[in-house]
Amino acid sequence: MSRVRANTIIDQAGSAGPDFPYGFTASSGTVTGLLTATSYDIDDLNVGSAATITATTVSTSTTTGALVVSGGVGIAGSVFIGENLSVGGTITYEDVTNIDSVGIVTANTGLHVKAGGVTIVGVTTGLSVSGVGTFGAITATTITGSSVLTVSDTTQSTTKDTGAIILNGGIGCEKNLNVGTACSIEGAGIATFSGGMKVGGGNGLREKAHIQTNPWSNSLSSGDFNLDYGNIFLCTGNLAGAASTLNITSSVGINTLMVTGDCLTVTGITSVNSTSSYINTLHIDHNAVQVAWVNGSAPTAGGGSGYDTYMFNIIKTANLAYAVVGNHVKTS
């Protein structure tokens, strides 16, 4: 067995390192500079500075690529990957600032967001829940579902801005709508029931009446029935004067309020104390209209005490044209 002892080994020309055509084996040692070889078989590798692997072999499995490690890899610093990352097992994150995915993110055992909430843009790329979804609060532009949506919150609604569900826009409902308790409609709009309306009972059907103290006969404005207040009017002041006039109007006008074929009923109840005081003329939007009075003629006398009731059934037959049936009932 031969042994070579030397401080420095160089090639024959004295200008470069020597060649080892049959390989190089060392139990220990330090290499300073560039070490080039076709392949390395190293039990333990300690690199004190940057290590660069220039091979460009693409990795398609755990046994392919420019660098193949049979065991685990422990990395104390950051890792930057220029292309795809495939993991066959579990990824455990201690602290992640942002996840930016251009594809689908799948969480097999659930998703827990501790703070900041979840913001989803779009409908087709939005949130799909196939089981039970439990949410503390949802603010959404569009919610589309193919099954039952159940809101378990029991907050009572007292206005249009309170309750378990608050919608800033309108509601389009293709089928039946069932309300367990009271239903209040706020605003100055019209509730239209094209298929009729059925009141099942259990409580009285109530309508708001407008009450005034100034007798209708005191002035033209006192005799106005403004339908913005409703369709029933009560005057607690005694009617005075014969052949008085009532005027039915609204903020937009009855001609605008009604379309041809519409019908409305207006009821006026007034205190009386003289048979010489009565109503026998009706105006609509301050224009006189013909009234067909029940019993064939207009009133000529009022009640001497109690209340007198005047009821008018009005049908719009054309623009500025009405068919009116009037009825006068005395309680004395």
C-alpha atoms as a PDB file:
ATOM      1  CA  MET A   1       0.000   0.000   0.000  1.00  0.00           C
ATOM      2  CA  SER A   2       1.394   3.347  -1.086  1.00  0.00           C
ATOM      3  CA  ARG A   3       0.941   6.631   0.749  1.00  0.00           C
ATOM      4  CA  VAL A   4       1.465  10.171  -0.554  1.00  0.00           C
ATOM      5  CA  ARG A   5       2.141  13.013   1.855  1.00  0.00           C
ATOM      6  CA  ALA A   6       2.095  16.528   0.380  1.00  0.00           C
ATOM      7  CA  ASN A   7       0.992  20.053   1.347  1.00  0.00           C
ATOM      8  CA  THR A   8      -0.133  20.876  -2.186  1.00  0.00           C
ATOM      9  CA  ILE A   9      -1.099  18.694  -5.167  1.00  0.00           C
ATOM     10  CA  ILE A  10      -1.289  20.285  -8.617  1.00  0.00           C
ATOM     11  CA  ASP A  11      -1.227  19.034 -12.179  1.00  0.00           C
ATOM     12  CA  GLN A  12       1.993  18.322 -14.068  1.00  0.00           C
ATOM     13  CA  ALA A  13       2.026  21.784 -15.638  1.00  0.00           C
ATOM     14  CA  GLY A  14       1.762  23.379 -12.193  1.00  0.00           C
ATOM     15  CA  SER A  15      -1.174  25.592 -13.182  1.00  0.00           C
ATOM     16  CA  ALA A  16      -4.319  23.572 -12.324  1.00  0.00           C
ATOM     17  CA  GLY A  17      -5.709  20.853 -10.139  1.00  0.00           C
ATOM     18  CA  PRO A  18      -4.986  17.190 -10.818  1.00  0.00           C
ATOM     19  CA  ASP A  19      -7.435  14.816 -12.516  1.00  0.00           C
ATOM     20  CA  PHE A  20      -8.820  11.711 -10.782  1.00  0.00           C
ATOM     21  CA  PRO A  21     -10.117   9.661 -13.755  1.00  0.00           C
ATOM     22  CA  TYR A  22     -11.077   6.701 -11.585  1.00  0.00           C
ATOM     23  CA  GLY A  23     -12.789   8.673  -8.847  1.00  0.00           C
ATOM     24  CA  PHE A  24     -11.867  10.193  -5.548  1.00  0.00           C
ATOM     25  CA  THR A  25     -12.494   8.770  -2.070  1.00  0.00           C
ATOM     26  CA  ALA A  26     -11.860  10.634   1.157  1.00  0.00           C
ATOM     27  CA  SER A  27     -12.911   9.966   4.750  1.00  0.00           C
ATOM     28  CA  SER A  28     -12.712  13.693   5.544  1.00  0.00           C
ATOM     29  CA  GLY A  29     -11.314  16.883   4.126  1.00  0.00           C
ATOM     30  CA  THR A  30     -11.932  20.415   2.969  1.00  0.00           C
ATOM     31  CA  VAL A  31     -12.331  21.556  -0.620  1.00  0.00           C
ATOM     32  CA  THR A  32     -11.814  25.240  -1.351  1.00  0.00           C
ATOM     33  CA  GLY A  33     -12.979  26.420  -4.730  1.00  0.00           C
ATOM     34  CA  LEU A  34     -15.041  24.619  -7.355  1.00  0.00           C
ATOM     35  CA  LEU A  35     -15.464  20.842  -7.144  1.00  0.00           C
ATOM     36  CA  THR A  36     -16.811  19.352 -10.387  1.00  0.00           C
ATOM     37  CA  ALA A  37     -17.889  15.744 -10.768  1.00  0.00           C
ATOM     38  CA  THR A  38     -20.337  13.692 -12.825  1.00  0.00           C
ATOM     39  CA  SER A  39     -21.955  12.332  -9.669  1.00  0.00           C
ATOM     40  CA  TYR A  40     -21.520  12.490  -5.908  1.00  0.00           C
ATOM     41  CA  ASP A  41     -22.054   9.806  -3.284  1.00  0.00           C
ATOM     42  CA  ILE A  42     -21.917  11.660   0.039  1.00  0.00           C
ATOM     43  CA  ASP A  43     -23.142  10.457   3.421  1.00  0.00           C
ATOM     44  CA  ASP A  44     -23.108  13.883   5.074  1.00  0.00           C
ATOM     45  CA  LEU A  45     -22.764  17.188   3.260  1.00  0.00           C
ATOM     46  CA  ASN A  46     -21.984  20.408   5.107  1.00  0.00           C
ATOM     47  CA  VAL A  47     -21.837  23.498   2.928  1.00  0.00           C
ATOM     48  CA  GLY A  48     -20.594  26.678   4.568  1.00  0.00           C
ATOM     49  CA  SER A  49     -21.583  29.046   1.729  1.00  0.00           C
ATOM     50  CA  ALA A  50     -24.062  29.059  -1.176  1.00  0.00           C
ATOM     51  CA  ALA A  51     -24.450  25.798  -3.083  1.00  0.00           C
ATOM     52  CA  THR A  52     -25.556  26.048  -6.716  1.00  0.00           C
ATOM     53  CA  ILE A  53     -26.863  23.123  -8.743  1.00  0.00           C
ATOM     54  CA  THR A  54     -26.879  24.016 -12.430  1.00  0.00           C
ATOM     55  CA  ALA A  55     -28.759  20.963 -13.654  1.00  0.00           C
ATOM     56  CA  THR A  56     -32.240  21.788 -15.055  1.00  0.00           C
ATOM     57  CA  THR A  57     -33.904  18.395 -14.782  1.00  0.00           C
ATOM     58  CA  VAL A  58     -37.633  18.857 -14.098  1.00  0.00           C
ATOM     59  CA  SER A  59     -39.097  17.065 -11.094  1.00  0.00           C
ATOM     60  CA  THR A  60     -42.208  14.955 -11.731  1.00  0.00           C
ATOM     61  CA  SER A  61     -41.951  12.687  -8.677  1.00  0.00           C
ATOM     62  CA  THR A  62     -39.979  12.231  -5.441  1.00  0.00           C
ATOM     63  CA  THR A  63     -37.165  10.479  -7.338  1.00  0.00           C
ATOM     64  CA  THR A  64     -36.651  12.932 -10.215  1.00  0.00           C
ATOM     65  CA  GLY A  65     -35.184  16.414 -10.569  1.00  0.00           C
ATOM     66  CA  ALA A  66     -31.890  18.255 -10.344  1.00  0.00           C
ATOM     67  CA  LEU A  67     -31.713  17.477  -6.610  1.00  0.00           C
ATOM     68  CA  VAL A  68     -33.156  14.294  -5.107  1.00  0.00           C
ATOM     69  CA  VAL A  69     -33.219  13.896  -1.324  1.00  0.00           C
ATOM     70  CA  SER A  70     -34.317  10.499  -0.015  1.00  0.00           C
ATOM     71  CA  GLY A  71     -34.963  11.755   3.518  1.00  0.00           C
ATOM     72  CA  GLY A  72     -36.558  14.852   4.952  1.00  0.00           C
ATOM     73  CA  VAL A  73     -35.349  18.412   4.508  1.00  0.00           C
ATOM     74  CA  GLY A  74     -35.104  20.915   7.345  1.00  0.00           C
ATOM     75  CA  ILE A  75     -34.850  24.547   6.225  1.00  0.00           C
ATOM     76  CA  ALA A  76     -34.380  27.349   8.736  1.00  0.00           C
ATOM     77  CA  GLY A  77     -34.877  30.271   6.318  1.00  0.00           C
ATOM     78  CA  SER A  78     -37.197  31.258   3.474  1.00  0.00           C
ATOM     79  CA  VAL A  79     -37.843  29.085   0.416  1.00  0.00           C
ATOM     80  CA  PHE A  80     -38.656  30.489  -3.026  1.00  0.00           C
ATOM     81  CA  ILE A  81     -39.993  28.113  -5.708  1.00  0.00           C
ATOM     82  CA  GLY A  82     -40.197  29.366  -9.275  1.00  0.00           C
ATOM     83  CA  GLU A  83     -42.694  26.774 -10.510  1.00  0.00           C
ATOM     84  CA  ASN A  84     -45.181  24.247  -9.116  1.00  0.00           C
ATOM     85  CA  LEU A  85     -45.075  22.647  -5.661  1.00  0.00           C
ATOM     86  CA  SER A  86     -46.665  19.214  -5.162  1.00  0.00           C
ATOM     87  CA  VAL A  87     -47.008  17.718  -1.691  1.00  0.00           C
ATOM     88  CA  GLY A  88     -48.126  14.133  -1.169  1.00  0.00           C
ATOM     89  CA  GLY A  89     -48.701  14.462   2.572  1.00  0.00           C
ATOM     90  CA  THR A  90     -49.767  17.212   4.966  1.00  0.00           C
ATOM     91  CA  ILE A  91     -48.661  20.849   4.879  1.00  0.00           C
ATOM     92  CA  THR A  92     -48.533  22.464   8.320  1.00  0.00           C
ATOM     93  CA  TYR A  93     -48.288  26.258   8.505  1.00  0.00           C
ATOM     94  CA  GLU A  94     -47.157  28.031  11.630  1.00  0.00           C
ATOM     95  CA  ASP A  95     -47.804  31.536  10.251  1.00  0.00           C
ATOM     96  CA  VAL A  96     -49.086  32.455   6.779  1.00  0.00           C
ATOM     97  CA  THR A  97     -49.589  36.087   5.789  1.00  0.00           C
ATOM     98  CA  ASN A  98     -51.235  35.618   2.367  1.00  0.00           C
ATOM     99  CA  ILE A  99     -52.385  32.739   0.172  1.00  0.00           C
ATOM    100  CA  ASP A 100     -52.966  33.774  -3.454  1.00  0.00           C
ATOM    101  CA  SER A 101     -54.449  30.926  -5.471  1.00  0.00           C
ATOM    102  CA  VAL A 102     -55.389  31.080  -9.158  1.00  0.00           C
ATOM    103  CA  GLY A 103     -57.230  27.757  -8.882  1.00  0.00           C
ATOM    104  CA  ILE A 104     -59.457  26.008  -6.355  1.00  0.00           C
ATOM    105  CA  VAL A 105     -58.595  25.882  -2.663  1.00  0.00           C
ATOM    106  CA  THR A 106     -59.953  22.710  -1.038  1.00  0.00           C
ATOM    107  CA  ALA A 107     -60.128  22.280   2.746  1.00  0.00           C
ATOM    108  CA  ASN A 108     -61.202  18.698   3.464  1.00  0.00           C
ATOM    109  CA  THR A 109     -61.828  19.130   7.205  1.00  0.00           C
ATOM    110  CA  GLY A 110     -63.137  22.691   7.314  1.00  0.00           C
ATOM    111  CA  LEU A 111     -61.991  26.289   7.114  1.00  0.00           C
ATOM    112  CA  HIS A 112     -61.552  28.414  10.246  1.00  0.00           C
ATOM    113  CA  VAL A 113     -61.127  32.171   9.844  1.00  0.00           C
ATOM    114  CA  LYS A 114     -60.352  33.709  13.247  1.00  0.00           C
ATOM    115  CA  ALA A 115     -60.471  37.401  12.292  1.00  0.00           C
ATOM    116  CA  GLY A 116     -60.990  39.707   9.352  1.00  0.00           C
ATOM    117  CA  GLY A 117     -63.948  37.826   7.863  1.00  0.00           C
ATOM    118  CA  VAL A 118     -64.279  36.256   4.403  1.00  0.00           C
ATOM    119  CA  THR A 119     -64.757  38.396   1.294  1.00  0.00           C
ATOM    120  CA  ILE A 120     -65.934  36.624  -1.873  1.00  0.00           C
ATOM    121  CA  VAL A 121     -66.280  38.420  -5.207  1.00  0.00           C
ATOM    122  CA  GLY A 122     -68.558  36.992  -7.857  1.00  0.00           C
ATOM    123  CA  VAL A 123     -71.423  34.495  -7.959  1.00  0.00           C
ATOM    124  CA  THR A 124     -70.167  31.539  -9.997  1.00  0.00           C
ATOM    125  CA  THR A 125     -66.811  31.694  -8.195  1.00  0.00           C
ATOM    126  CA  GLY A 126     -68.400  32.490  -4.863  1.00  0.00           C
ATOM    127  CA  LEU A 127     -69.197  30.409  -1.788  1.00  0.00           C
ATOM    128  CA  SER A 128     -70.751  26.967  -2.274  1.00  0.00           C
ATOM    129  CA  VAL A 129     -72.032  25.180   0.829  1.00  0.00           C
ATOM    130  CA  SER A 130     -73.368  21.663   0.296  1.00  0.00           C
ATOM    131  CA  GLY A 131     -74.113  20.931   3.958  1.00  0.00           C
ATOM    132  CA  VAL A 132     -75.124  23.175   6.844  1.00  0.00           C
ATOM    133  CA  GLY A 133     -73.561  26.646   6.788  1.00  0.00           C
ATOM    134  CA  THR A 134     -73.483  28.559  10.056  1.00  0.00           C
ATOM    135  CA  PHE A 135     -72.720  32.279   9.860  1.00  0.00           C
ATOM    136  CA  GLY A 136     -72.734  35.007  12.483  1.00  0.00           C
ATOM    137  CA  ALA A 137     -73.457  37.742   9.929  1.00  0.00           C
ATOM    138  CA  ILE A 138     -73.497  37.851   6.124  1.00  0.00           C
ATOM    139  CA  THR A 139     -73.210  40.899   3.892  1.00  0.00           C
ATOM    140  CA  ALA A 140     -73.680  39.795   0.290  1.00  0.00           C
ATOM    141  CA  THR A 141     -74.527  41.325  -3.065  1.00  0.00           C
ATOM    142  CA  THR A 142     -76.002  38.086  -4.422  1.00  0.00           C
ATOM    143  CA  ILE A 143     -76.911  34.808  -2.724  1.00  0.00           C
ATOM    144  CA  THR A 144     -77.815  31.925  -5.053  1.00  0.00           C
ATOM    145  CA  GLY A 145     -78.807  28.522  -3.725  1.00  0.00           C
ATOM    146  CA  SER A 146     -80.427  25.339  -5.030  1.00  0.00           C
ATOM    147  CA  SER A 147     -81.688  24.097  -1.638  1.00  0.00           C
ATOM    148  CA  VAL A 148     -83.317  25.490   1.502  1.00  0.00           C
ATOM    149  CA  LEU A 149     -81.740  28.547   3.106  1.00  0.00           C
ATOM    150  CA  THR A 150     -82.423  28.580   6.851  1.00  0.00           C
ATOM    151  CA  VAL A 151     -81.580  31.525   9.088  1.00  0.00           C
ATOM    152  CA  SER A 152     -81.686  30.410  12.738  1.00  0.00           C
ATOM    153  CA  ASP A 153     -81.339  33.932  14.156  1.00  0.00           C
ATOM    154  CA  THR A 154     -84.573  34.911  15.954  1.00  0.00           C
ATOM    155  CA  THR A 155     -84.194  38.706  16.027  1.00  0.00           C
ATOM    156  CA  GLN A 156     -87.666  40.273  15.873  1.00  0.00           C
ATOM    157  CA  SER A 157     -88.443  42.813  13.147  1.00  0.00           C
ATOM    158  CA  THR A 158     -90.015  46.067  14.285  1.00  0.00           C
ATOM    159  CA  THR A 159     -89.079  48.178  11.231  1.00  0.00           C
ATOM    160  CA  LYS A 160     -87.779  47.589   7.721  1.00  0.00           C
ATOM    161  CA  ASP A 161     -84.222  47.912   9.071  1.00  0.00           C
ATOM    162  CA  THR A 162     -84.438  45.293  11.827  1.00  0.00           C
ATOM    163  CA  GLY A 163     -84.793  41.518  11.959  1.00  0.00           C
ATOM    164  CA  ALA A 164     -82.897  38.308  11.212  1.00  0.00           C
ATOM    165  CA  ILE A 165     -82.814  39.169   7.476  1.00  0.00           C
ATOM    166  CA  ILE A 166     -82.527  42.757   6.192  1.00  0.00           C
ATOM    167  CA  LEU A 167     -82.798  43.388   2.444  1.00  0.00           C
ATOM    168  CA  ASN A 168     -82.066  46.848   1.067  1.00  0.00           C
ATOM    169  CA  GLY A 169     -83.736  46.033  -2.258  1.00  0.00           C
ATOM    170  CA  GLY A 170     -87.051  44.461  -3.238  1.00  0.00           C
ATOM    171  CA  ILE A 171     -88.047  40.797  -3.019  1.00  0.00           C
ATOM    172  CA  GLY A 172     -89.186  38.717  -5.972  1.00  0.00           C
ATOM    173  CA  CYS A 173     -91.036  35.610  -4.772  1.00  0.00           C
ATOM    174  CA  GLU A 174     -92.169  33.004  -7.345  1.00  0.00           C
ATOM    175  CA  LYS A 175     -94.392  31.046  -4.943  1.00  0.00           C
ATOM    176  CA  ASN A 176     -96.275  31.358  -1.660  1.00  0.00           C
ATOM    177  CA  LEU A 177     -95.068  33.614   1.147  1.00  0.00           C
ATOM    178  CA  ASN A 178     -96.085  32.606   4.678  1.00  0.00           C
ATOM    179  CA  VAL A 179     -95.525  34.958   7.623  1.00  0.00           C
ATOM    180  CA  GLY A 180     -95.828  33.478  11.121  1.00  0.00           C
ATOM    181  CA  THR A 181     -96.836  36.686  12.901  1.00  0.00           C
ATOM    182  CA  ALA A 182     -97.569  40.280  11.881  1.00  0.00           C
ATOM    183  CA  CYS A 183     -96.661  41.736   8.497  1.00  0.00           C
ATOM    184  CA  SER A 184     -96.129  45.499   8.238  1.00  0.00           C
ATOM    185  CA  ILE A 185     -95.658  47.367   4.949  1.00  0.00           C
ATOM    186  CA  GLU A 186     -93.939  50.719   5.383  1.00  0.00           C
ATOM    187  CA  GLY A 187     -93.837  53.593   2.925  1.00  0.00           C
ATOM    188  CA  ALA A 188     -96.310  55.198   0.563  1.00  0.00           C
ATOM    189  CA  GLY A 189     -96.398  52.386  -1.991  1.00  0.00           C
ATOM    190  CA  ILE A 190     -99.318  50.212  -3.070  1.00  0.00           C
ATOM    191  CA  ALA A 191     -99.832  46.581  -2.058  1.00  0.00           C
ATOM    192  CA  THR A 192    -101.363  44.733  -5.026  1.00  0.00           C
ATOM    193  CA  PHE A 193    -103.015  41.314  -4.723  1.00  0.00           C
ATOM    194  CA  SER A 194    -103.713  40.107  -8.268  1.00  0.00           C
ATOM    195  CA  GLY A 195    -105.239  36.832  -7.049  1.00  0.00           C
ATOM    196  CA  GLY A 196    -107.404  38.348  -4.332  1.00  0.00           C
ATOM    197  CA  MET A 197    -106.874  38.602  -0.589  1.00  0.00           C
ATOM    198  CA  LYS A 198    -108.138  36.215   2.089  1.00  0.00           C
ATOM    199  CA  VAL A 199    -108.213  37.069   5.791  1.00  0.00           C
ATOM    200  CA  GLY A 200    -108.216  33.841   7.786  1.00  0.00           C
ATOM    201  CA  GLY A 201    -109.653  35.275  10.986  1.00  0.00           C
ATOM    202  CA  GLY A 202    -108.338  35.082  14.520  1.00  0.00           C
ATOM    203  CA  ASN A 203    -108.125  38.861  14.745  1.00  0.00           C
ATOM    204  CA  GLY A 204    -110.107  41.800  13.439  1.00  0.00           C
ATOM    205  CA  LEU A 205    -109.309  43.454  10.104  1.00  0.00           C
ATOM    206  CA  ARG A 206    -108.445  47.039  10.984  1.00  0.00           C
ATOM    207  CA  GLU A 207    -108.109  50.209   8.905  1.00  0.00           C
ATOM    208  CA  LYS A 208    -106.754  53.563  10.021  1.00  0.00           C
ATOM    209  CA  ALA A 209    -109.256  56.438  10.276  1.00  0.00           C
ATOM    210  CA  HIS A 210    -108.339  60.123   9.995  1.00  0.00           C
ATOM    211  CA  ILE A 211    -109.919  62.134  12.814  1.00  0.00           C
ATOM    212  CA  GLN A 212    -110.431  65.906  12.827  1.00  0.00           C
ATOM    213  CA  THR A 213    -112.291  68.334  15.073  1.00  0.00           C
ATOM    214  CA  ASN A 214    -112.906  71.166  12.599  1.00  0.00           C
ATOM    215  CA  PRO A 215    -116.415  70.703  11.068  1.00  0.00           C
ATOM    216  CA  TRP A 216    -116.432  69.970   7.339  1.00  0.00           C
ATOM    217  CA  SER A 217    -118.809  72.884   6.763  1.00  0.00           C
ATOM    218  CA  ASN A 218    -116.433  75.522   8.190  1.00  0.00           C
ATOM    219  CA  SER A 219    -114.352  75.923   5.016  1.00  0.00           C
ATOM    220  CA  LEU A 220    -113.567  74.316   1.690  1.00  0.00           C
ATOM    221  CA  SER A 221    -110.347  72.779   3.048  1.00  0.00           C
ATOM    222  CA  SER A 222    -112.190  71.373   6.086  1.00  0.00           C
ATOM    223  CA  GLY A 223    -114.355  69.360   3.738  1.00  0.00           C
ATOM    224  CA  ASP A 224    -111.389  67.761   1.963  1.00  0.00           C
ATOM    225  CA  PHE A 225    -110.979  63.987   2.214  1.00  0.00           C
ATOM    226  CA  ASN A 226    -107.247  63.558   1.512  1.00  0.00           C
ATOM    227  CA  LEU A 227    -106.744  59.864   0.739  1.00  0.00           C
ATOM    228  CA  ASP A 228    -103.081  60.137   1.796  1.00  0.00           C
ATOM    229  CA  TYR A 229    -104.543  59.693   5.309  1.00  0.00           C
ATOM    230  CA  GLY A 230    -106.691  56.672   4.388  1.00  0.00           C
ATOM    231  CA  ASN A 231    -110.250  56.064   3.196  1.00  0.00           C
ATOM    232  CA  ILE A 232    -112.207  56.637   6.445  1.00  0.00           C
ATOM    233  CA  PHE A 233    -112.692  60.091   7.953  1.00  0.00           C
ATOM    234  CA  LEU A 234    -114.282  61.079  11.272  1.00  0.00           C
ATOM    235  CA  CYS A 235    -115.170  64.637  12.230  1.00  0.00           C
ATOM    236  CA  THR A 236    -116.024  65.169  15.918  1.00  0.00           C
ATOM    237  CA  GLY A 237    -117.206  68.735  15.298  1.00  0.00           C
ATOM    238  CA  ASN A 238    -120.918  69.145  14.525  1.00  0.00           C
ATOM    239  CA  LEU A 239    -121.763  69.710  10.883  1.00  0.00           C
ATOM    240  CA  ALA A 240    -123.385  73.122  10.290  1.00  0.00           C
ATOM    241  CA  GLY A 241    -125.115  74.610   7.271  1.00  0.00           C
ATOM    242  CA  ALA A 242    -127.363  73.074   4.612  1.00  0.00           C
ATOM    243  CA  ALA A 243    -126.215  71.634   1.281  1.00  0.00           C
ATOM    244  CA  SER A 244    -122.539  71.316   2.154  1.00  0.00           C
ATOM    245  CA  THR A 245    -119.859  69.906  -0.193  1.00  0.00           C
ATOM    246  CA  LEU A 246    -117.187  67.231   0.290  1.00  0.00           C
ATOM    247  CA  ASN A 247    -114.031  67.061  -1.876  1.00  0.00           C
ATOM    248  CA  ILE A 248    -112.072  63.807  -2.375  1.00  0.00           C
ATOM    249  CA  THR A 249    -108.432  64.308  -3.348  1.00  0.00           C
ATOM    250  CA  SER A 250    -104.843  63.187  -2.623  1.00  0.00           C
ATOM    251  CA  SER A 251    -101.325  64.574  -2.941  1.00  0.00           C
ATOM    252  CA  VAL A 252    -101.115  63.292  -6.542  1.00  0.00           C
ATOM    253  CA  GLY A 253    -104.796  63.659  -7.361  1.00  0.00           C
ATOM    254  CA  ILE A 254    -107.457  60.951  -7.650  1.00  0.00           C
ATOM    255  CA  ASN A 255    -107.212  60.913 -11.456  1.00  0.00           C
ATOM    256  CA  THR A 256    -103.515  60.016 -11.151  1.00  0.00           C
ATOM    257  CA  LEU A 257    -104.043  57.677  -8.210  1.00  0.00           C
ATOM    258  CA  MET A 258    -106.572  55.539 -10.105  1.00  0.00           C
ATOM    259  CA  VAL A 259    -106.458  53.890 -13.499  1.00  0.00           C
ATOM    260  CA  THR A 260    -109.536  53.150 -15.584  1.00  0.00           C
ATOM    261  CA  GLY A 261    -111.422  50.291 -13.963  1.00  0.00           C
ATOM    262  CA  ASP A 262    -110.151  50.979 -10.450  1.00  0.00           C
ATOM    263  CA  CYS A 263    -112.702  51.225  -7.656  1.00  0.00           C
ATOM    264  CA  LEU A 264    -112.396  52.764  -4.208  1.00  0.00           C
ATOM    265  CA  THR A 265    -114.738  53.373  -1.302  1.00  0.00           C
ATOM    266  CA  VAL A 266    -114.571  56.521   0.825  1.00  0.00           C
ATOM    267  CA  THR A 267    -116.468  56.811   4.113  1.00  0.00           C
ATOM    268  CA  GLY A 268    -117.084  60.022   6.068  1.00  0.00           C
ATOM    269  CA  ILE A 269    -118.624  60.064   9.561  1.00  0.00           C
ATOM    270  CA  THR A 270    -119.568  63.366  11.208  1.00  0.00           C
ATOM    271  CA  SER A 271    -121.142  64.523  14.441  1.00  0.00           C
ATOM    272  CA  VAL A 272    -124.523  66.245  13.945  1.00  0.00           C
ATOM    273  CA  ASN A 273    -126.974  68.168  16.103  1.00  0.00           C
ATOM    274  CA  SER A 274    -129.291  69.765  13.551  1.00  0.00           C
ATOM    275  CA  THR A 275    -131.497  68.184  10.886  1.00  0.00           C
ATOM    276  CA  SER A 276    -130.883  71.251   8.712  1.00  0.00           C
ATOM    277  CA  SER A 277    -127.182  70.336   8.259  1.00  0.00           C
ATOM    278  CA  TYR A 278    -126.297  67.769   5.572  1.00  0.00           C
ATOM    279  CA  ILE A 279    -124.044  66.978   2.578  1.00  0.00           C
ATOM    280  CA  ASN A 280    -125.545  66.763  -0.891  1.00  0.00           C
ATOM    281  CA  THR A 281    -122.633  67.571  -3.274  1.00  0.00           C
ATOM    282  CA  LEU A 282    -119.379  65.728  -4.033  1.00  0.00           C
ATOM    283  CA  HIS A 283    -116.230  66.950  -5.786  1.00  0.00           C
ATOM    284  CA  ILE A 284    -113.270  64.849  -6.957  1.00  0.00           C
ATOM    285  CA  ASP A 285    -110.023  66.804  -7.257  1.00  0.00           C
ATOM    286  CA  HIS A 286    -112.156  69.961  -6.759  1.00  0.00           C
ATOM    287  CA  ASN A 287    -114.341  69.167  -9.766  1.00  0.00           C
ATOM    288  CA  ALA A 288    -118.048  68.433  -9.281  1.00  0.00           C
ATOM    289  CA  VAL A 289    -119.148  64.883 -10.124  1.00  0.00           C
ATOM    290  CA  GLN A 290    -122.594  63.390 -10.503  1.00  0.00           C
ATOM    291  CA  VAL A 291    -123.607  61.124  -7.625  1.00  0.00           C
ATOM    292  CA  ALA A 292    -126.232  58.403  -7.911  1.00  0.00           C
ATOM    293  CA  TRP A 293    -127.712  58.470  -4.395  1.00  0.00           C
ATOM    294  CA  VAL A 294    -129.209  55.420  -2.742  1.00  0.00           C
ATOM    295  CA  ASN A 295    -133.016  55.885  -2.447  1.00  0.00           C
ATOM    296  CA  GLY A 296    -132.987  57.950  -5.637  1.00  0.00           C
ATOM    297  CA  SER A 297    -132.280  61.497  -4.453  1.00  0.00           C
ATOM    298  CA  ALA A 298    -129.640  63.593  -2.725  1.00  0.00           C
ATOM    299  CA  PRO A 299    -129.994  64.199   1.047  1.00  0.00           C
ATOM    300  CA  THR A 300    -132.237  67.090   2.094  1.00  0.00           C
ATOM    301  CA  ALA A 301    -131.837  66.766   5.856  1.00  0.00           C
ATOM    302  CA  GLY A 302    -129.376  65.496   8.425  1.00  0.00           C
ATOM    303  CA  GLY A 303    -129.642  63.757  11.759  1.00  0.00           C
ATOM    304  CA  GLY A 304    -130.590  65.718  14.855  1.00  0.00           C
ATOM    305  CA  SER A 305    -128.019  63.957  17.093  1.00  0.00           C
ATOM    306  CA  GLY A 306    -125.315  61.295  17.065  1.00  0.00           C
ATOM    307  CA  TYR A 307    -123.474  60.677  13.798  1.00  0.00           C
ATOM    308  CA  ASP A 308    -124.305  60.817  10.103  1.00  0.00           C
ATOM    309  CA  THR A 309    -122.405  58.583   7.689  1.00  0.00           C
ATOM    310  CA  TYR A 310    -121.698  59.361   4.032  1.00  0.00           C
ATOM    311  CA  MET A 311    -120.264  56.569   1.877  1.00  0.00           C
ATOM    312  CA  PHE A 312    -119.163  56.898  -1.748  1.00  0.00           C
ATOM    313  CA  ASN A 313    -118.275  54.032  -4.133  1.00  0.00           C
ATOM    314  CA  ILE A 314    -116.148  55.504  -6.926  1.00  0.00           C
ATOM    315  CA  ILE A 315    -115.215  53.752 -10.196  1.00  0.00           C
ATOM    316  CA  LYS A 316    -112.941  55.460 -12.696  1.00  0.00           C
ATOM    317  CA  THR A 317    -114.479  54.937 -16.142  1.00  0.00           C
ATOM    318  CA  ALA A 318    -112.110  57.085 -18.223  1.00  0.00           C
ATOM    319  CA  ASN A 319    -109.705  59.986 -17.846  1.00  0.00           C
ATOM    320  CA  LEU A 320    -111.331  62.488 -15.437  1.00  0.00           C
ATOM    321  CA  ALA A 321    -114.575  60.465 -15.538  1.00  0.00           C
ATOM    322  CA  TYR A 322    -116.144  58.553 -12.653  1.00  0.00           C
ATOM    323  CA  ALA A 323    -119.253  56.566 -11.769  1.00  0.00           C
ATOM    324  CA  VAL A 324    -120.186  57.389  -8.165  1.00  0.00           C
ATOM    325  CA  VAL A 325    -122.796  55.821  -5.891  1.00  0.00           C
ATOM    326  CA  GLY A 326    -123.494  57.724  -2.644  1.00  0.00           C
ATOM    327  CA  ASN A 327    -125.285  56.636   0.490  1.00  0.00           C
ATOM    328  CA  HIS A 328    -126.356  58.741   3.514  1.00  0.00           C
ATOM    329  CA  VAL A 329    -127.168  56.979   6.811  1.00  0.00           C
ATOM    330  CA  LYS A 330    -128.404  58.742   9.979  1.00  0.00           C
ATOM    331  CA  THR A 331    -128.257  57.410  13.527  1.00  0.00           C
ATOM    332  CA  SER A 332    -131.118  59.600  14.780  1.00  0.00           C
END
